[in-house]
């Protein structure tokens, strides 16, 4: 998916339960990226029929190490598991790139980078369906995670990652995504 296609008028609000004034509103999309509605994050996390977009950023260094974050224990899904360096929802009205830079800034204070889109795919779980837009970048800078967003972060070698697979250390989504993009990820160097 190259980008989200928003309608000229705001898309209809779909399946909202007690949307409070500060509820995060997400676009509901077709697989093509056409925005057909909007709903709260809470509703999207309970309705796998509502496809919504997310962004992931994989950060590698010049030595083939991959930076991963440990999800905060306050996360509603898979707290305490290691995951992509940056991952987050696209809020209604945002482009993919705007969401990517916002999430990277919030989670890691990481705002000066040149992302490459690797692919987009649909991830289905029993509670949600996401259109995952996978980006990557290369850096040799130190990364400082925001402890409100992320419990910790560190660089992992390819061997460390592959030795930890299937041991409930990583999120299931990270594990399948890593194998999807591994060959392309390390060619960015």
C-alpha atoms as a PDB file:
ATOM      1  CA  UNK A   1       0.000   0.000   0.000  1.00  0.00           C
ATOM      2  CA  UNK A   2       1.547   3.286  -1.039  1.00  0.00           C
ATOM      3  CA  UNK A   3      -0.650   5.620   1.002  1.00  0.00           C
ATOM      4  CA  UNK A   4      -4.064   6.046   2.588  1.00  0.00           C
ATOM      5  CA  UNK A   5      -6.797   7.507   0.400  1.00  0.00           C
ATOM      6  CA  UNK A   6      -9.056   9.703   2.527  1.00  0.00           C
ATOM      7  CA  UNK A   7     -12.518  10.812   1.302  1.00  0.00           C
ATOM      8  CA  UNK A   8     -13.180  14.531   0.744  1.00  0.00           C
ATOM      9  CA  UNK A   9     -15.657  14.559   3.646  1.00  0.00           C
ATOM     10  CA  UNK A  10     -14.914  12.823   6.972  1.00  0.00           C
ATOM     11  CA  UNK A  11     -15.590   9.094   6.765  1.00  0.00           C
ATOM     12  CA  UNK A  12     -18.539   7.798   8.800  1.00  0.00           C
ATOM     13  CA  UNK A  13     -17.959   6.970  12.442  1.00  0.00           C
ATOM     14  CA  UNK A  14     -18.375   3.211  12.799  1.00  0.00           C
ATOM     15  CA  UNK A  15     -19.136   1.010  15.804  1.00  0.00           C
ATOM     16  CA  UNK A  16     -18.321   3.465  18.566  1.00  0.00           C
ATOM     17  CA  UNK A  17     -18.783   2.516  22.210  1.00  0.00           C
ATOM     18  CA  UNK A  18     -18.588   5.360  24.703  1.00  0.00           C
ATOM     19  CA  UNK A  19     -16.163   7.497  22.711  1.00  0.00           C
ATOM     20  CA  UNK A  20     -14.849  10.044  25.154  1.00  0.00           C
ATOM     21  CA  UNK A  21     -13.423  13.364  24.014  1.00  0.00           C
ATOM     22  CA  UNK A  22      -9.822  12.128  23.948  1.00  0.00           C
ATOM     23  CA  UNK A  23     -10.430   8.689  22.401  1.00  0.00           C
ATOM     24  CA  UNK A  24      -7.939   7.849  19.672  1.00  0.00           C
ATOM     25  CA  UNK A  25      -9.785   7.660  16.336  1.00  0.00           C
ATOM     26  CA  UNK A  26      -8.374   5.326  13.684  1.00  0.00           C
ATOM     27  CA  UNK A  27      -9.194   5.093   9.980  1.00  0.00           C
ATOM     28  CA  UNK A  28     -11.011   1.953   8.837  1.00  0.00           C
ATOM     29  CA  UNK A  29      -9.701   0.930   5.424  1.00  0.00           C
ATOM     30  CA  UNK A  30     -10.061  -1.473   2.542  1.00  0.00           C
ATOM     31  CA  UNK A  31      -6.906  -3.444   1.645  1.00  0.00           C
ATOM     32  CA  UNK A  32      -6.202  -0.910  -1.124  1.00  0.00           C
ATOM     33  CA  UNK A  33      -5.806   1.869   1.473  1.00  0.00           C
ATOM     34  CA  UNK A  34      -9.180   3.476   0.714  1.00  0.00           C
ATOM     35  CA  UNK A  35     -10.540   4.925   3.961  1.00  0.00           C
ATOM     36  CA  UNK A  36     -14.165   3.822   4.374  1.00  0.00           C
ATOM     37  CA  UNK A  37     -14.800   4.761   7.994  1.00  0.00           C
ATOM     38  CA  UNK A  38     -13.314   5.609  11.354  1.00  0.00           C
ATOM     39  CA  UNK A  39     -13.602   4.197  14.843  1.00  0.00           C
ATOM     40  CA  UNK A  40     -11.958   4.244  18.239  1.00  0.00           C
ATOM     41  CA  UNK A  41      -8.861   2.227  18.987  1.00  0.00           C
ATOM     42  CA  UNK A  42     -10.763   0.316  21.663  1.00  0.00           C
ATOM     43  CA  UNK A  43     -13.407  -0.795  19.188  1.00  0.00           C
ATOM     44  CA  UNK A  44     -10.780  -1.717  16.567  1.00  0.00           C
ATOM     45  CA  UNK A  45      -9.043  -3.918  19.150  1.00  0.00           C
ATOM     46  CA  UNK A  46     -12.220  -5.909  19.622  1.00  0.00           C
ATOM     47  CA  UNK A  47     -13.456  -6.144  16.039  1.00  0.00           C
ATOM     48  CA  UNK A  48     -11.262  -8.114  13.632  1.00  0.00           C
ATOM     49  CA  UNK A  49     -13.625  -7.127  10.817  1.00  0.00           C
ATOM     50  CA  UNK A  50     -12.391  -3.496  11.060  1.00  0.00           C
ATOM     51  CA  UNK A  51      -9.098  -3.273   9.139  1.00  0.00           C
ATOM     52  CA  UNK A  52      -6.985  -0.354  10.366  1.00  0.00           C
ATOM     53  CA  UNK A  53      -3.485   0.825   9.366  1.00  0.00           C
ATOM     54  CA  UNK A  54      -0.342   0.700  11.483  1.00  0.00           C
ATOM     55  CA  UNK A  55       3.300   1.561  10.870  1.00  0.00           C
ATOM     56  CA  UNK A  56       6.392  -0.396  11.890  1.00  0.00           C
ATOM     57  CA  UNK A  57       9.964   0.859  11.748  1.00  0.00           C
ATOM     58  CA  UNK A  58      12.904  -1.549  11.842  1.00  0.00           C
ATOM     59  CA  UNK A  59      16.173   0.170  12.739  1.00  0.00           C
ATOM     60  CA  UNK A  60      19.462  -1.485  11.826  1.00  0.00           C
ATOM     61  CA  UNK A  61      23.013  -0.329  12.442  1.00  0.00           C
ATOM     62  CA  UNK A  62      25.997  -0.647  10.079  1.00  0.00           C
ATOM     63  CA  UNK A  63      27.033  -3.866  11.887  1.00  0.00           C
ATOM     64  CA  UNK A  64      23.846  -5.874  11.090  1.00  0.00           C
ATOM     65  CA  UNK A  65      22.321  -5.355  14.532  1.00  0.00           C
ATOM     66  CA  UNK A  66      18.591  -4.734  14.837  1.00  0.00           C
ATOM     67  CA  UNK A  67      17.202  -2.387  17.481  1.00  0.00           C
ATOM     68  CA  UNK A  68      14.158  -3.792  19.305  1.00  0.00           C
ATOM     69  CA  UNK A  69      11.912  -2.393  21.997  1.00  0.00           C
ATOM     70  CA  UNK A  70      10.412  -4.187  24.960  1.00  0.00           C
ATOM     71  CA  UNK A  71       6.726  -3.345  25.054  1.00  0.00           C
ATOM     72  CA  UNK A  72       5.579  -1.472  28.132  1.00  0.00           C
ATOM     73  CA  UNK A  73       3.815  -3.510  30.810  1.00  0.00           C
ATOM     74  CA  UNK A  74       0.927  -1.041  30.474  1.00  0.00           C
ATOM     75  CA  UNK A  75       0.182  -2.076  26.854  1.00  0.00           C
ATOM     76  CA  UNK A  76      -3.183  -3.750  26.337  1.00  0.00           C
ATOM     77  CA  UNK A  77      -1.723  -6.311  23.904  1.00  0.00           C
ATOM     78  CA  UNK A  78       1.393  -8.431  24.614  1.00  0.00           C
ATOM     79  CA  UNK A  79       2.983  -6.355  27.399  1.00  0.00           C
ATOM     80  CA  UNK A  80       6.611  -7.174  28.190  1.00  0.00           C
ATOM     81  CA  UNK A  81       7.362  -8.804  24.837  1.00  0.00           C
ATOM     82  CA  UNK A  82      10.132  -7.611  22.503  1.00  0.00           C
ATOM     83  CA  UNK A  83       8.927  -6.073  19.252  1.00  0.00           C
ATOM     84  CA  UNK A  84       9.913  -3.854  16.316  1.00  0.00           C
ATOM     85  CA  UNK A  85      11.796  -0.681  17.218  1.00  0.00           C
ATOM     86  CA  UNK A  86       8.710   1.418  16.503  1.00  0.00           C
ATOM     87  CA  UNK A  87       5.129   0.374  16.009  1.00  0.00           C
ATOM     88  CA  UNK A  88       1.907   2.289  16.224  1.00  0.00           C
ATOM     89  CA  UNK A  89      -1.475   3.146  14.843  1.00  0.00           C
ATOM     90  CA  UNK A  90      -2.154   5.709  12.174  1.00  0.00           C
ATOM     91  CA  UNK A  91      -4.669   8.199  13.566  1.00  0.00           C
ATOM     92  CA  UNK A  92      -7.507   9.432  11.393  1.00  0.00           C
ATOM     93  CA  UNK A  93      -6.300  12.139   8.989  1.00  0.00           C
ATOM     94  CA  UNK A  94      -2.605  11.203   9.148  1.00  0.00           C
ATOM     95  CA  UNK A  95      -0.487   9.921   6.285  1.00  0.00           C
ATOM     96  CA  UNK A  96       1.667   6.846   6.827  1.00  0.00           C
ATOM     97  CA  UNK A  97       4.846   8.954   6.964  1.00  0.00           C
ATOM     98  CA  UNK A  98       3.322  11.405   9.459  1.00  0.00           C
ATOM     99  CA  UNK A  99       2.344   8.487  11.697  1.00  0.00           C
ATOM    100  CA  UNK A 100       5.777   6.889  11.331  1.00  0.00           C
ATOM    101  CA  UNK A 101       7.648  10.036  12.391  1.00  0.00           C
ATOM    102  CA  UNK A 102       5.160  10.754  15.209  1.00  0.00           C
ATOM    103  CA  UNK A 103       5.485   7.230  16.621  1.00  0.00           C
ATOM    104  CA  UNK A 104       9.303   7.191  16.287  1.00  0.00           C
ATOM    105  CA  UNK A 105       9.455  10.521  18.120  1.00  0.00           C
ATOM    106  CA  UNK A 106       7.096   9.418  20.888  1.00  0.00           C
ATOM    107  CA  UNK A 107       8.657   6.017  21.507  1.00  0.00           C
ATOM    108  CA  UNK A 108      12.358   6.662  20.914  1.00  0.00           C
ATOM    109  CA  UNK A 109      12.875  10.409  20.422  1.00  0.00           C
ATOM    110  CA  UNK A 110      14.066   9.312  16.970  1.00  0.00           C
ATOM    111  CA  UNK A 111      13.101  11.940  14.383  1.00  0.00           C
ATOM    112  CA  UNK A 112      16.016  12.406  11.984  1.00  0.00           C
ATOM    113  CA  UNK A 113      15.968   9.397   9.662  1.00  0.00           C
ATOM    114  CA  UNK A 114      15.295   8.368   6.089  1.00  0.00           C
ATOM    115  CA  UNK A 115      12.716   5.550   5.969  1.00  0.00           C
ATOM    116  CA  UNK A 116      12.399   2.973   3.211  1.00  0.00           C
ATOM    117  CA  UNK A 117       9.053   1.224   2.717  1.00  0.00           C
ATOM    118  CA  UNK A 118       9.699  -2.535   2.593  1.00  0.00           C
ATOM    119  CA  UNK A 119       6.147  -3.843   2.257  1.00  0.00           C
ATOM    120  CA  UNK A 120       2.556  -3.760   3.451  1.00  0.00           C
ATOM    121  CA  UNK A 121       0.610  -6.812   4.588  1.00  0.00           C
ATOM    122  CA  UNK A 122      -2.525  -7.689   6.531  1.00  0.00           C
ATOM    123  CA  UNK A 123      -2.103  -9.105  10.034  1.00  0.00           C
ATOM    124  CA  UNK A 124      -5.116 -10.885  11.513  1.00  0.00           C
ATOM    125  CA  UNK A 125      -5.439 -11.916  15.130  1.00  0.00           C
ATOM    126  CA  UNK A 126      -8.471 -13.035  17.137  1.00  0.00           C
ATOM    127  CA  UNK A 127      -8.988  -9.440  18.341  1.00  0.00           C
ATOM    128  CA  UNK A 128      -7.973  -7.193  15.442  1.00  0.00           C
ATOM    129  CA  UNK A 129      -6.956  -6.819  11.793  1.00  0.00           C
ATOM    130  CA  UNK A 130      -4.166  -4.448  10.802  1.00  0.00           C
ATOM    131  CA  UNK A 131      -2.723  -3.261   7.518  1.00  0.00           C
ATOM    132  CA  UNK A 132       0.932  -3.226   8.570  1.00  0.00           C
ATOM    133  CA  UNK A 133       3.169  -0.818   6.665  1.00  0.00           C
ATOM    134  CA  UNK A 134       6.765  -1.888   7.270  1.00  0.00           C
ATOM    135  CA  UNK A 135       9.572   0.651   7.008  1.00  0.00           C
ATOM    136  CA  UNK A 136      13.293   0.365   7.738  1.00  0.00           C
ATOM    137  CA  UNK A 137      16.197   2.728   8.255  1.00  0.00           C
ATOM    138  CA  UNK A 138      19.911   2.516   9.031  1.00  0.00           C
ATOM    139  CA  UNK A 139      21.608   4.520  11.787  1.00  0.00           C
ATOM    140  CA  UNK A 140      24.659   4.417  14.009  1.00  0.00           C
ATOM    141  CA  UNK A 141      23.248   6.852  16.571  1.00  0.00           C
ATOM    142  CA  UNK A 142      22.416   5.994  20.156  1.00  0.00           C
ATOM    143  CA  UNK A 143      18.700   5.517  20.708  1.00  0.00           C
ATOM    144  CA  UNK A 144      17.004   6.594  23.932  1.00  0.00           C
ATOM    145  CA  UNK A 145      13.579   5.017  24.475  1.00  0.00           C
ATOM    146  CA  UNK A 146      10.837   6.976  26.231  1.00  0.00           C
ATOM    147  CA  UNK A 147      10.176   4.986  29.393  1.00  0.00           C
ATOM    148  CA  UNK A 148       6.479   5.922  29.363  1.00  0.00           C
ATOM    149  CA  UNK A 149       6.079   4.301  25.938  1.00  0.00           C
ATOM    150  CA  UNK A 150       8.712   1.532  26.039  1.00  0.00           C
ATOM    151  CA  UNK A 151      10.130  -0.450  28.977  1.00  0.00           C
ATOM    152  CA  UNK A 152      13.559  -0.753  27.375  1.00  0.00           C
ATOM    153  CA  UNK A 153      15.355  -1.086  24.063  1.00  0.00           C
ATOM    154  CA  UNK A 154      18.592  -2.598  22.810  1.00  0.00           C
ATOM    155  CA  UNK A 155      20.508  -3.793  19.757  1.00  0.00           C
ATOM    156  CA  UNK A 156      20.155  -7.515  18.918  1.00  0.00           C
ATOM    157  CA  UNK A 157      22.418  -9.577  16.666  1.00  0.00           C
ATOM    158  CA  UNK A 158      20.884 -11.810  14.000  1.00  0.00           C
ATOM    159  CA  UNK A 159      21.969 -14.853  16.007  1.00  0.00           C
ATOM    160  CA  UNK A 160      20.381 -13.559  19.244  1.00  0.00           C
ATOM    161  CA  UNK A 161      17.107 -12.934  17.425  1.00  0.00           C
ATOM    162  CA  UNK A 162      17.035 -16.302  15.714  1.00  0.00           C
ATOM    163  CA  UNK A 163      18.004 -18.152  18.926  1.00  0.00           C
ATOM    164  CA  UNK A 164      15.104 -16.476  20.790  1.00  0.00           C
ATOM    165  CA  UNK A 165      12.442 -17.254  18.168  1.00  0.00           C
ATOM    166  CA  UNK A 166       9.514 -19.384  19.326  1.00  0.00           C
ATOM    167  CA  UNK A 167      10.301 -18.899  23.029  1.00  0.00           C
ATOM    168  CA  UNK A 168       7.622 -16.259  23.782  1.00  0.00           C
ATOM    169  CA  UNK A 169      10.269 -13.541  24.012  1.00  0.00           C
ATOM    170  CA  UNK A 170       9.024 -11.680  20.929  1.00  0.00           C
ATOM    171  CA  UNK A 171       5.528 -10.788  19.831  1.00  0.00           C
ATOM    172  CA  UNK A 172       4.091 -13.299  17.344  1.00  0.00           C
ATOM    173  CA  UNK A 173       3.753 -10.482  14.828  1.00  0.00           C
ATOM    174  CA  UNK A 174       7.448  -9.567  15.120  1.00  0.00           C
ATOM    175  CA  UNK A 175       8.476 -13.186  14.570  1.00  0.00           C
ATOM    176  CA  UNK A 176       6.518 -13.631  11.359  1.00  0.00           C
ATOM    177  CA  UNK A 177       7.430 -10.136  10.117  1.00  0.00           C
ATOM    178  CA  UNK A 178      11.136 -10.663  10.747  1.00  0.00           C
ATOM    179  CA  UNK A 179      11.173 -13.698   8.483  1.00  0.00           C
ATOM    180  CA  UNK A 180       9.123 -11.841   5.838  1.00  0.00           C
ATOM    181  CA  UNK A 181      11.572  -8.928   5.587  1.00  0.00           C
ATOM    182  CA  UNK A 182      14.901 -10.299   6.839  1.00  0.00           C
ATOM    183  CA  UNK A 183      16.585 -10.619   3.444  1.00  0.00           C
ATOM    184  CA  UNK A 184      15.517  -7.132   2.309  1.00  0.00           C
ATOM    185  CA  UNK A 185      16.275  -5.565   5.692  1.00  0.00           C
ATOM    186  CA  UNK A 186      19.938  -6.480   5.700  1.00  0.00           C
ATOM    187  CA  UNK A 187      20.443  -5.373   2.092  1.00  0.00           C
ATOM    188  CA  UNK A 188      19.888  -1.753   3.148  1.00  0.00           C
ATOM    189  CA  UNK A 189      23.436  -1.604   4.473  1.00  0.00           C
END
